[in-house]
Amino acid sequence: MGYNIGKQVGDFMGRLHVWGKSNADVCAFFNGNQEAKALYSWAYYGRLLSTIEQAEIELGEEEKRALEEIVEESSQAIRDATDTVRRPVL
């Protein structure tokens, strides 16, 4: 059952991505809404490290630095996106 839900969500996100690329007015709306982009990047990436810490998952220093880099790069990609409604890359 979980696989089916995950597949359906993935299919939906793929269709949304394609739809967003072909709708310049939608992209322009989201591009102009920097607060929404910041909130979106925070919801997906901004809480990642604190969530891992709260779950008491131990990370080595190298793993933690790698995750911090992923968080920063992915958050910046969301904030800079102008061509589509972006989905997380993690």
Protein backbone atom coordinates (compact mmCIF):
# COMPACT_ATOMS: atom_id res chain seq x y z
CA MET A 1 0.00 0.00 0.00
CA GLY A 2 2.77 2.48 0.92
CA TYR A 3 4.43 1.91 -2.44
CA ASN A 4 1.20 2.75 -4.25
CA ILE A 5 0.78 6.02 -2.36
CA GLY A 6 4.42 6.96 -2.95
CA LYS A 7 4.12 6.17 -6.64
CA GLN A 8 0.96 8.25 -6.97
CA VAL A 9 2.56 11.20 -5.18
CA GLY A 10 5.63 10.89 -7.43
CA ASP A 11 3.44 10.74 -10.55
CA PHE A 12 1.53 13.82 -9.40
CA MET A 13 4.73 15.75 -8.68
CA GLY A 14 6.08 14.82 -12.11
CA ARG A 15 2.91 16.06 -13.82
CA LEU A 16 2.97 19.24 -11.73
CA HIS A 17 6.58 19.85 -12.75
CA VAL A 18 5.78 19.45 -16.45
CA TRP A 19 2.63 21.57 -16.13
CA GLY A 20 4.53 24.35 -14.33
CA LYS A 21 7.19 24.51 -17.04
CA SER A 22 4.54 25.13 -19.67
CA ASN A 23 2.62 27.82 -17.74
CA ALA A 24 4.69 30.99 -17.65
CA ASP A 25 2.02 32.90 -15.70
CA VAL A 26 2.15 30.38 -12.86
CA CYS A 27 5.94 30.53 -12.81
CA ALA A 28 5.82 34.33 -12.77
CA PHE A 29 3.43 34.24 -9.81
CA PHE A 30 5.70 31.98 -7.78
CA ASN A 31 8.79 33.87 -8.86
CA GLY A 32 7.28 37.05 -7.46
CA ASN A 33 6.37 35.42 -4.17
CA GLN A 34 9.73 35.19 -2.42
CA GLU A 35 8.08 34.60 0.97
CA ALA A 36 6.41 31.45 -0.35
CA LYS A 37 9.69 30.22 -1.79
CA ALA A 38 11.47 30.85 1.50
CA LEU A 39 8.73 29.02 3.41
CA TYR A 40 8.82 26.13 0.95
CA SER A 41 12.60 25.77 1.25
CA TRP A 42 12.36 25.92 5.06
CA ALA A 43 9.58 23.31 5.17
CA TYR A 44 11.59 20.83 3.12
CA TYR A 45 15.18 21.60 4.10
CA GLY A 46 15.34 24.13 6.90
CA ARG A 47 14.16 21.62 9.49
CA LEU A 48 16.13 18.63 8.24
CA LEU A 49 19.08 18.78 10.64
CA SER A 50 16.97 19.58 13.71
CA THR A 51 14.62 16.71 12.82
CA ILE A 52 17.57 14.34 12.62
CA GLU A 53 18.87 15.59 15.96
CA GLN A 54 15.45 15.24 17.61
CA ALA A 55 15.24 11.67 16.31
CA GLU A 56 18.59 11.11 18.04
CA ILE A 57 20.22 9.92 14.85
CA GLU A 58 23.95 10.23 15.24
CA LEU A 59 25.85 11.76 12.35
CA GLY A 60 29.55 11.96 11.89
CA GLU A 61 31.08 15.35 11.18
CA GLU A 62 31.49 14.53 7.48
CA GLU A 63 27.86 13.43 7.19
CA LYS A 64 26.66 16.53 9.01
CA ARG A 65 28.70 18.84 6.73
CA ALA A 66 27.36 17.02 3.66
CA LEU A 67 23.78 17.44 4.85
CA GLU A 68 24.36 21.11 5.65
CA GLU A 69 25.67 21.59 2.11
CA ILE A 70 22.67 19.78 0.62
CA VAL A 71 20.32 21.90 2.73
CA GLU A 72 21.96 25.15 1.63
CA GLU A 73 22.24 24.26 -2.06
CA SER A 74 18.72 22.88 -2.28
CA SER A 75 17.20 25.79 -0.38
CA GLN A 76 18.99 28.25 -2.65
CA ALA A 77 17.80 26.36 -5.75
CA ILE A 78 14.21 26.70 -4.56
CA ARG A 79 14.61 30.41 -3.83
CA ASP A 80 16.25 31.01 -7.23
CA ALA A 81 13.84 28.92 -9.32
CA THR A 82 12.10 30.84 -12.09
CA ASP A 83 11.27 28.15 -14.63
CA THR A 84 8.91 25.88 -12.71
CA VAL A 85 7.30 25.10 -9.41
CA ARG A 86 10.26 23.27 -7.86
CA ARG A 87 10.12 20.03 -5.99
CA PRO A 88 12.70 18.91 -3.44
CA VAL A 89 15.79 17.17 -4.77
CA LEU A 90 16.75 15.24 -1.64
